[in-house]
Amino acid sequence: MATTVNSTLHDLSPAERLERGEQLKRDGIVIRTYDIWKTYIMGDQEIHAVSGVDIQIKRGEYVAIMGPSGSGKSTLMNLIGCLDTPTKGLYYLNGKLASDMEDDELAQIRNKEIGFVFQTFNLLARASALHNVELPLIYAGMPPKQRIERARESLRAVDLEQRMDHKPNELSGGQRQRVAIARALVNSPSILLADEPTGALDTNTGNEIMALFERLYLQGNTIVLVTHEPDIAAHANRIIHIRDGKVELDEATTRKEKRTLEV
């Protein structure tokens, strides 16, 4: 049955594909993949890193994608983050058909729709925290006065406004990750995509970062967390288990239901 549905979707006209995206957006579905594959040619072999994955993530969800090394979770993250394109299949991000986009369009959608948080922070060493957070707004063409205020607000959201003039080497690992999270949030993206965000941190600092993600989730952010660690994945409301390029299990976690923020 699923194969028939997916075949029908592949045959949609451009207008029908557009309407499908609009309907997903009306339904509050931020991420929707239909039978996406990523295949690499290695000599005379085809390696299917992602094999026919169908997932759906709604706005405001906190989802972990978990799997061991070589499971395909990193490839899937790259597809969701528009860092790569599927070999076949359809991928809608916030109503837009990302799987049909060219490189320039993908760059725009990455800057506007996705906030990335990486394990290694990826900060400019010679730039202040404020300037690091400003960068996505510079690429978006925002005027200086407006982008500085937005960057300040984003640093304030991660409790780091008082360190905004410090360079990365003047910050702790946890503070550097907070700068990276502030940078990811500054464009008000559709999703916050975090790849092993505590991997370079000690246990206590990692717990602080996960508490920050919890707070951001409670404020209404959509968070997709990629990890191989069960205790980190358990912070999410839902875990998508990946193995051999396929969804092995999609389950709700036992964590507490979404709570109301204290004023």
C-alpha atoms as a PDB file:
ATOM      1  CA  MET A   1       0.000   0.000   0.000  1.00  0.00           C
ATOM      2  CA  ALA A   2       2.767   2.457   0.935  1.00  0.00           C
ATOM      3  CA  THR A   3       4.579   1.755  -2.358  1.00  0.00           C
ATOM      4  CA  THR A   4       1.413   2.611  -4.318  1.00  0.00           C
ATOM      5  CA  VAL A   5       0.936   5.856  -2.401  1.00  0.00           C
ATOM      6  CA  ASN A   6       4.563   6.884  -2.903  1.00  0.00           C
ATOM      7  CA  SER A   7       4.455   6.045  -6.611  1.00  0.00           C
ATOM      8  CA  THR A   8       1.376   8.235  -6.937  1.00  0.00           C
ATOM      9  CA  LEU A   9       3.165  11.099  -5.159  1.00  0.00           C
ATOM     10  CA  HIS A  10       6.128  10.872  -7.532  1.00  0.00           C
ATOM     11  CA  ASP A  11       3.695  11.279 -10.443  1.00  0.00           C
ATOM     12  CA  LEU A  12       2.165  14.516  -9.121  1.00  0.00           C
ATOM     13  CA  SER A  13       2.234  17.540 -11.427  1.00  0.00           C
ATOM     14  CA  PRO A  14       4.175  20.650 -10.297  1.00  0.00           C
ATOM     15  CA  ALA A  15       0.893  22.316  -9.301  1.00  0.00           C
ATOM     16  CA  GLU A  16      -0.179  19.257  -7.327  1.00  0.00           C
ATOM     17  CA  ARG A  17       3.196  19.069  -5.591  1.00  0.00           C
ATOM     18  CA  LEU A  18       2.830  22.730  -4.642  1.00  0.00           C
ATOM     19  CA  GLU A  19      -0.639  22.113  -3.233  1.00  0.00           C
ATOM     20  CA  ARG A  20       0.644  19.095  -1.307  1.00  0.00           C
ATOM     21  CA  GLY A  21       3.209  21.394   0.371  1.00  0.00           C
ATOM     22  CA  GLU A  22       0.566  23.994   1.204  1.00  0.00           C
ATOM     23  CA  GLN A  23      -1.614  21.300   2.796  1.00  0.00           C
ATOM     24  CA  LEU A  24       1.297  20.019   4.896  1.00  0.00           C
ATOM     25  CA  LYS A  25       1.936  23.572   6.082  1.00  0.00           C
ATOM     26  CA  ARG A  26      -1.729  24.048   6.979  1.00  0.00           C
ATOM     27  CA  ASP A  27      -1.564  20.802   8.947  1.00  0.00           C
ATOM     28  CA  GLY A  28       1.437  22.085  10.923  1.00  0.00           C
ATOM     29  CA  ILE A  29       3.829  19.494   9.478  1.00  0.00           C
ATOM     30  CA  VAL A  30       7.319  20.980   9.227  1.00  0.00           C
ATOM     31  CA  ILE A  31       9.211  17.905   7.993  1.00  0.00           C
ATOM     32  CA  ARG A  32       7.703  15.283   5.688  1.00  0.00           C
ATOM     33  CA  THR A  33       9.672  12.753   3.690  1.00  0.00           C
ATOM     34  CA  TYR A  34       8.122  10.379   1.194  1.00  0.00           C
ATOM     35  CA  ASP A  35      10.202   7.309   0.308  1.00  0.00           C
ATOM     36  CA  ILE A  36      13.542   9.165   0.310  1.00  0.00           C
ATOM     37  CA  TRP A  37      16.700   7.320  -0.676  1.00  0.00           C
ATOM     38  CA  LYS A  38      20.365   8.247  -0.740  1.00  0.00           C
ATOM     39  CA  THR A  39      22.458   5.901  -2.842  1.00  0.00           C
ATOM     40  CA  TYR A  40      26.204   6.007  -3.418  1.00  0.00           C
ATOM     41  CA  ILE A  41      28.048   4.170  -6.178  1.00  0.00           C
ATOM     42  CA  MET A  42      31.170   2.396  -4.893  1.00  0.00           C
ATOM     43  CA  GLY A  43      32.844   0.656  -7.825  1.00  0.00           C
ATOM     44  CA  ASP A  44      30.265  -1.797  -9.134  1.00  0.00           C
ATOM     45  CA  GLN A  45      28.194  -1.642  -5.928  1.00  0.00           C
ATOM     46  CA  GLU A  46      25.278   0.542  -4.881  1.00  0.00           C
ATOM     47  CA  ILE A  47      25.360   1.552  -1.211  1.00  0.00           C
ATOM     48  CA  HIS A  48      21.967   2.618   0.115  1.00  0.00           C
ATOM     49  CA  ALA A  49      22.786   4.923   3.048  1.00  0.00           C
ATOM     50  CA  VAL A  50      19.100   5.852   3.390  1.00  0.00           C
ATOM     51  CA  SER A  51      16.525   3.404   2.084  1.00  0.00           C
ATOM     52  CA  GLY A  52      12.932   4.511   1.569  1.00  0.00           C
ATOM     53  CA  VAL A  53      12.466   6.614   4.710  1.00  0.00           C
ATOM     54  CA  ASP A  54       9.041   8.104   5.489  1.00  0.00           C
ATOM     55  CA  ILE A  55       8.962  10.436   8.486  1.00  0.00           C
ATOM     56  CA  GLN A  56       6.715  13.252   9.649  1.00  0.00           C
ATOM     57  CA  ILE A  57       7.522  15.888  12.272  1.00  0.00           C
ATOM     58  CA  LYS A  58       5.018  18.508  13.357  1.00  0.00           C
ATOM     59  CA  ARG A  59       5.700  22.049  14.445  1.00  0.00           C
ATOM     60  CA  GLY A  60       6.584  22.229  18.141  1.00  0.00           C
ATOM     61  CA  GLU A  61       7.774  18.612  18.423  1.00  0.00           C
ATOM     62  CA  TYR A  62      11.015  17.553  20.110  1.00  0.00           C
ATOM     63  CA  VAL A  63      12.304  14.526  18.174  1.00  0.00           C
ATOM     64  CA  ALA A  64      15.526  12.530  18.454  1.00  0.00           C
ATOM     65  CA  ILE A  65      16.943  10.577  15.520  1.00  0.00           C
ATOM     66  CA  MET A  66      19.044   7.817  17.024  1.00  0.00           C
ATOM     67  CA  GLY A  67      21.185   5.029  15.649  1.00  0.00           C
ATOM     68  CA  PRO A  68      24.630   3.439  15.885  1.00  0.00           C
ATOM     69  CA  SER A  69      27.586   4.429  13.724  1.00  0.00           C
ATOM     70  CA  GLY A  70      26.895   3.512  10.097  1.00  0.00           C
ATOM     71  CA  SER A  71      23.127   3.350  10.590  1.00  0.00           C
ATOM     72  CA  GLY A  72      22.400   6.183   8.154  1.00  0.00           C
ATOM     73  CA  LYS A  73      21.334   8.741  10.752  1.00  0.00           C
ATOM     74  CA  SER A  74      23.987  11.286   9.689  1.00  0.00           C
ATOM     75  CA  THR A  75      23.008  10.910   6.027  1.00  0.00           C
ATOM     76  CA  LEU A  76      19.367  11.404   6.998  1.00  0.00           C
ATOM     77  CA  MET A  77      20.331  14.488   9.016  1.00  0.00           C
ATOM     78  CA  ASN A  78      22.123  15.917   5.962  1.00  0.00           C
ATOM     79  CA  LEU A  79      19.003  15.349   3.866  1.00  0.00           C
ATOM     80  CA  ILE A  80      16.696  16.927   6.465  1.00  0.00           C
ATOM     81  CA  GLY A  81      19.137  19.840   6.836  1.00  0.00           C
ATOM     82  CA  CYS A  82      19.273  20.377   3.047  1.00  0.00           C
ATOM     83  CA  LEU A  83      23.036  19.807   3.136  1.00  0.00           C
ATOM     84  CA  ASP A  84      22.461  17.031   0.594  1.00  0.00           C
ATOM     85  CA  THR A  85      19.675  15.984  -1.771  1.00  0.00           C
ATOM     86  CA  PRO A  86      18.003  12.564  -1.993  1.00  0.00           C
ATOM     87  CA  THR A  87      18.734  10.225  -4.884  1.00  0.00           C
ATOM     88  CA  LYS A  88      14.988   9.739  -5.126  1.00  0.00           C
ATOM     89  CA  GLY A  89      11.909  10.551  -3.093  1.00  0.00           C
ATOM     90  CA  LEU A  90      10.184  13.734  -1.972  1.00  0.00           C
ATOM     91  CA  TYR A  91      11.139  15.950   0.968  1.00  0.00           C
ATOM     92  CA  TYR A  92       8.997  18.866   2.130  1.00  0.00           C
ATOM     93  CA  LEU A  93      10.387  21.378   4.635  1.00  0.00           C
ATOM     94  CA  ASN A  94       7.818  23.824   5.991  1.00  0.00           C
ATOM     95  CA  GLY A  95       5.690  23.318   2.891  1.00  0.00           C
ATOM     96  CA  LYS A  96       8.535  23.743   0.387  1.00  0.00           C
ATOM     97  CA  LEU A  97       9.636  20.833  -1.805  1.00  0.00           C
ATOM     98  CA  ALA A  98      13.336  20.850  -0.898  1.00  0.00           C
ATOM     99  CA  SER A  99      14.082  17.666  -2.861  1.00  0.00           C
ATOM    100  CA  ASP A 100      13.410  19.532  -6.123  1.00  0.00           C
ATOM    101  CA  MET A 101      15.608  22.548  -5.326  1.00  0.00           C
ATOM    102  CA  GLU A 102      18.877  23.635  -6.931  1.00  0.00           C
ATOM    103  CA  ASP A 103      21.971  24.501  -4.863  1.00  0.00           C
ATOM    104  CA  ASP A 104      21.205  28.244  -4.632  1.00  0.00           C
ATOM    105  CA  GLU A 105      17.667  27.570  -3.418  1.00  0.00           C
ATOM    106  CA  LEU A 106      18.936  25.035  -0.893  1.00  0.00           C
ATOM    107  CA  ALA A 107      21.408  27.584   0.473  1.00  0.00           C
ATOM    108  CA  GLN A 108      18.561  30.063   0.960  1.00  0.00           C
ATOM    109  CA  ILE A 109      16.313  27.541   2.665  1.00  0.00           C
ATOM    110  CA  ARG A 110      19.163  26.457   4.982  1.00  0.00           C
ATOM    111  CA  ASN A 111      19.708  30.045   6.054  1.00  0.00           C
ATOM    112  CA  LYS A 112      16.026  30.822   6.545  1.00  0.00           C
ATOM    113  CA  GLU A 113      14.397  27.594   7.708  1.00  0.00           C
ATOM    114  CA  ILE A 114      17.086  25.643   9.614  1.00  0.00           C
ATOM    115  CA  GLY A 115      19.165  26.498  12.652  1.00  0.00           C
ATOM    116  CA  PHE A 116      22.178  24.186  12.889  1.00  0.00           C
ATOM    117  CA  VAL A 117      23.956  23.197  16.103  1.00  0.00           C
ATOM    118  CA  PHE A 118      27.041  21.031  15.625  1.00  0.00           C
ATOM    119  CA  GLN A 119      29.175  19.012  18.027  1.00  0.00           C
ATOM    120  CA  THR A 120      32.273  21.122  17.250  1.00  0.00           C
ATOM    121  CA  PHE A 121      30.477  24.506  17.557  1.00  0.00           C
ATOM    122  CA  ASN A 122      31.813  25.815  14.168  1.00  0.00           C
ATOM    123  CA  LEU A 123      32.497  29.332  15.439  1.00  0.00           C
ATOM    124  CA  LEU A 124      34.818  31.894  13.856  1.00  0.00           C
ATOM    125  CA  ALA A 125      37.856  31.977  16.152  1.00  0.00           C
ATOM    126  CA  ARG A 126      38.690  35.677  15.653  1.00  0.00           C
ATOM    127  CA  ALA A 127      35.119  36.958  15.880  1.00  0.00           C
ATOM    128  CA  SER A 128      33.206  37.921  19.013  1.00  0.00           C
ATOM    129  CA  ALA A 129      30.208  35.963  20.194  1.00  0.00           C
ATOM    130  CA  LEU A 130      27.980  38.767  18.900  1.00  0.00           C
ATOM    131  CA  HIS A 131      29.534  38.689  15.428  1.00  0.00           C
ATOM    132  CA  ASN A 132      29.300  34.892  15.271  1.00  0.00           C
ATOM    133  CA  VAL A 133      25.591  35.117  16.021  1.00  0.00           C
ATOM    134  CA  GLU A 134      25.153  37.921  13.470  1.00  0.00           C
ATOM    135  CA  LEU A 135      26.493  35.888  10.555  1.00  0.00           C
ATOM    136  CA  PRO A 136      23.219  34.317   9.305  1.00  0.00           C
ATOM    137  CA  LEU A 137      21.629  37.790   9.339  1.00  0.00           C
ATOM    138  CA  ILE A 138      24.516  39.227   7.311  1.00  0.00           C
ATOM    139  CA  TYR A 139      23.962  36.509   4.699  1.00  0.00           C
ATOM    140  CA  ALA A 140      20.247  37.342   4.758  1.00  0.00           C
ATOM    141  CA  GLY A 141      21.018  41.016   3.998  1.00  0.00           C
ATOM    142  CA  MET A 142      19.599  42.468   7.211  1.00  0.00           C
ATOM    143  CA  PRO A 143      20.656  46.088   8.012  1.00  0.00           C
ATOM    144  CA  PRO A 144      23.409  46.385  10.676  1.00  0.00           C
ATOM    145  CA  LYS A 145      21.366  48.060  13.428  1.00  0.00           C
ATOM    146  CA  GLN A 146      18.555  45.529  13.173  1.00  0.00           C
ATOM    147  CA  ARG A 147      20.826  42.498  13.031  1.00  0.00           C
ATOM    148  CA  ILE A 148      22.869  43.608  16.066  1.00  0.00           C
ATOM    149  CA  GLU A 149      19.684  43.938  18.109  1.00  0.00           C
ATOM    150  CA  ARG A 150      18.479  40.524  16.899  1.00  0.00           C
ATOM    151  CA  ALA A 151      21.847  38.955  17.746  1.00  0.00           C
ATOM    152  CA  ARG A 152      21.719  40.505  21.237  1.00  0.00           C
ATOM    153  CA  GLU A 153      18.210  39.091  21.738  1.00  0.00           C
ATOM    154  CA  SER A 154      19.370  35.652  20.663  1.00  0.00           C
ATOM    155  CA  LEU A 155      22.336  35.727  23.068  1.00  0.00           C
ATOM    156  CA  ARG A 156      19.977  36.908  25.793  1.00  0.00           C
ATOM    157  CA  ALA A 157      17.785  33.859  25.110  1.00  0.00           C
ATOM    158  CA  VAL A 158      20.698  31.558  25.982  1.00  0.00           C
ATOM    159  CA  ASP A 159      21.806  33.641  28.996  1.00  0.00           C
ATOM    160  CA  LEU A 160      25.003  34.856  27.341  1.00  0.00           C
ATOM    161  CA  GLU A 161      24.422  38.528  26.578  1.00  0.00           C
ATOM    162  CA  GLN A 162      27.056  39.525  29.140  1.00  0.00           C
ATOM    163  CA  ARG A 163      29.704  37.584  27.174  1.00  0.00           C
ATOM    164  CA  MET A 164      28.819  38.925  23.732  1.00  0.00           C
ATOM    165  CA  ASP A 165      32.169  40.711  23.222  1.00  0.00           C
ATOM    166  CA  HIS A 166      34.234  37.636  24.071  1.00  0.00           C
ATOM    167  CA  LYS A 167      35.907  35.483  21.414  1.00  0.00           C
ATOM    168  CA  PRO A 168      35.502  31.678  21.435  1.00  0.00           C
ATOM    169  CA  ASN A 169      38.895  31.092  23.111  1.00  0.00           C
ATOM    170  CA  GLU A 170      37.697  33.261  26.000  1.00  0.00           C
ATOM    171  CA  LEU A 171      34.630  31.089  26.553  1.00  0.00           C
ATOM    172  CA  SER A 172      34.112  27.663  28.107  1.00  0.00           C
ATOM    173  CA  GLY A 173      32.915  24.736  26.001  1.00  0.00           C
ATOM    174  CA  GLY A 174      29.381  25.143  27.300  1.00  0.00           C
ATOM    175  CA  GLN A 175      29.399  28.863  26.559  1.00  0.00           C
ATOM    176  CA  ARG A 176      30.668  28.225  23.027  1.00  0.00           C
ATOM    177  CA  GLN A 177      27.814  25.807  22.454  1.00  0.00           C
ATOM    178  CA  ARG A 178      25.387  28.422  23.764  1.00  0.00           C
ATOM    179  CA  VAL A 179      26.786  30.894  21.203  1.00  0.00           C
ATOM    180  CA  ALA A 180      26.237  28.249  18.516  1.00  0.00           C
ATOM    181  CA  ILE A 181      22.647  27.762  19.703  1.00  0.00           C
ATOM    182  CA  ALA A 182      22.069  31.531  19.721  1.00  0.00           C
ATOM    183  CA  ARG A 183      23.364  31.672  16.142  1.00  0.00           C
ATOM    184  CA  ALA A 184      21.025  28.820  15.180  1.00  0.00           C
ATOM    185  CA  LEU A 185      18.041  30.665  16.681  1.00  0.00           C
ATOM    186  CA  VAL A 186      18.740  34.165  15.330  1.00  0.00           C
ATOM    187  CA  ASN A 187      16.782  33.731  12.086  1.00  0.00           C
ATOM    188  CA  SER A 188      13.732  32.254  13.883  1.00  0.00           C
ATOM    189  CA  PRO A 189      14.067  29.023  11.863  1.00  0.00           C
ATOM    190  CA  SER A 190      11.375  26.421  11.315  1.00  0.00           C
ATOM    191  CA  ILE A 191      13.537  23.758  12.951  1.00  0.00           C
ATOM    192  CA  LEU A 192      16.542  23.609  15.260  1.00  0.00           C
ATOM    193  CA  LEU A 193      18.719  20.729  13.993  1.00  0.00           C
ATOM    194  CA  ALA A 194      21.295  19.579  16.541  1.00  0.00           C
ATOM    195  CA  ASP A 195      23.981  17.024  15.638  1.00  0.00           C
ATOM    196  CA  GLU A 196      25.495  15.386  18.755  1.00  0.00           C
ATOM    197  CA  PRO A 197      25.331  18.775  20.564  1.00  0.00           C
ATOM    198  CA  THR A 198      26.878  17.447  23.798  1.00  0.00           C
ATOM    199  CA  GLY A 199      29.544  15.251  22.170  1.00  0.00           C
ATOM    200  CA  ALA A 200      32.418  17.652  22.908  1.00  0.00           C
ATOM    201  CA  LEU A 201      31.267  18.522  26.426  1.00  0.00           C
ATOM    202  CA  ASP A 202      31.715  16.983  29.867  1.00  0.00           C
ATOM    203  CA  THR A 203      28.693  15.402  31.538  1.00  0.00           C
ATOM    204  CA  ASN A 204      27.697  18.382  33.710  1.00  0.00           C
ATOM    205  CA  THR A 205      28.023  20.893  30.862  1.00  0.00           C
ATOM    206  CA  GLY A 206      26.158  18.514  28.557  1.00  0.00           C
ATOM    207  CA  ASN A 207      23.301  18.383  31.063  1.00  0.00           C
ATOM    208  CA  GLU A 208      23.188  22.193  31.092  1.00  0.00           C
ATOM    209  CA  ILE A 209      22.937  22.282  27.297  1.00  0.00           C
ATOM    210  CA  MET A 210      20.150  19.685  27.308  1.00  0.00           C
ATOM    211  CA  ALA A 211      18.305  21.781  29.919  1.00  0.00           C
ATOM    212  CA  LEU A 212      18.612  24.732  27.532  1.00  0.00           C
ATOM    213  CA  PHE A 213      17.133  22.667  24.687  1.00  0.00           C
ATOM    214  CA  GLU A 214      14.273  21.754  27.033  1.00  0.00           C
ATOM    215  CA  ARG A 215      13.610  25.427  27.696  1.00  0.00           C
ATOM    216  CA  LEU A 216      13.712  26.256  23.982  1.00  0.00           C
ATOM    217  CA  TYR A 217      11.267  23.424  23.299  1.00  0.00           C
ATOM    218  CA  LEU A 218       8.915  24.711  25.985  1.00  0.00           C
ATOM    219  CA  GLN A 219       9.033  28.105  24.258  1.00  0.00           C
ATOM    220  CA  GLY A 220       7.636  26.478  21.108  1.00  0.00           C
ATOM    221  CA  ASN A 221      10.734  25.648  19.065  1.00  0.00           C
ATOM    222  CA  THR A 222      10.763  22.535  16.879  1.00  0.00           C
ATOM    223  CA  ILE A 223      13.871  20.526  17.759  1.00  0.00           C
ATOM    224  CA  VAL A 224      15.398  17.598  15.874  1.00  0.00           C
ATOM    225  CA  LEU A 225      18.264  16.028  17.811  1.00  0.00           C
ATOM    226  CA  VAL A 226      20.646  13.552  16.132  1.00  0.00           C
ATOM    227  CA  THR A 227      22.533  11.299  18.542  1.00  0.00           C
ATOM    228  CA  HIS A 228      23.814   7.788  19.201  1.00  0.00           C
ATOM    229  CA  GLU A 229      23.400   8.152  22.972  1.00  0.00           C
ATOM    230  CA  PRO A 230      20.173   6.779  24.528  1.00  0.00           C
ATOM    231  CA  ASP A 231      20.349   9.101  27.559  1.00  0.00           C
ATOM    232  CA  ILE A 232      20.532  12.166  25.282  1.00  0.00           C
ATOM    233  CA  ALA A 233      17.735  10.883  23.028  1.00  0.00           C
ATOM    234  CA  ALA A 234      15.557  10.338  26.114  1.00  0.00           C
ATOM    235  CA  HIS A 235      15.248  14.124  26.531  1.00  0.00           C
ATOM    236  CA  ALA A 236      13.028  14.215  23.420  1.00  0.00           C
ATOM    237  CA  ASN A 237       9.317  13.406  23.297  1.00  0.00           C
ATOM    238  CA  ARG A 238       9.808  10.968  20.456  1.00  0.00           C
ATOM    239  CA  ILE A 239      12.682   8.833  19.159  1.00  0.00           C
ATOM    240  CA  ILE A 240      13.086   7.686  15.551  1.00  0.00           C
ATOM    241  CA  HIS A 241      15.458   4.706  15.544  1.00  0.00           C
ATOM    242  CA  ILE A 242      17.509   4.288  12.357  1.00  0.00           C
ATOM    243  CA  ARG A 243      19.279   1.080  11.359  1.00  0.00           C
ATOM    244  CA  ASP A 244      20.671   0.041   7.967  1.00  0.00           C
ATOM    245  CA  GLY A 245      19.261   3.201   6.405  1.00  0.00           C
ATOM    246  CA  LYS A 246      15.681   2.456   7.444  1.00  0.00           C
ATOM    247  CA  VAL A 247      13.339   3.509  10.235  1.00  0.00           C
ATOM    248  CA  GLU A 248      13.483   0.572  12.638  1.00  0.00           C
ATOM    249  CA  LEU A 249      11.175   2.071  15.274  1.00  0.00           C
ATOM    250  CA  ASP A 250       9.346   5.358  15.848  1.00  0.00           C
ATOM    251  CA  GLU A 251       8.281   5.641  19.477  1.00  0.00           C
ATOM    252  CA  ALA A 252       7.109   8.144  22.056  1.00  0.00           C
ATOM    253  CA  THR A 253       9.370   8.499  25.095  1.00  0.00           C
ATOM    254  CA  THR A 254       8.330   8.268  28.722  1.00  0.00           C
ATOM    255  CA  ARG A 255       9.451  11.812  29.559  1.00  0.00           C
ATOM    256  CA  LYS A 256       6.925  14.196  31.084  1.00  0.00           C
ATOM    257  CA  GLU A 257       4.380  15.922  28.907  1.00  0.00           C
ATOM    258  CA  LYS A 258       5.041  19.487  27.784  1.00  0.00           C
ATOM    259  CA  ARG A 259       4.790  21.785  30.776  1.00  0.00           C
ATOM    260  CA  THR A 260       3.699  25.387  31.004  1.00  0.00           C
ATOM    261  CA  LEU A 261       6.597  27.814  31.345  1.00  0.00           C
ATOM    262  CA  GLU A 262       6.793  29.688  34.598  1.00  0.00           C
ATOM    263  CA  VAL A 263       6.549  33.443  34.191  1.00  0.00           C
END
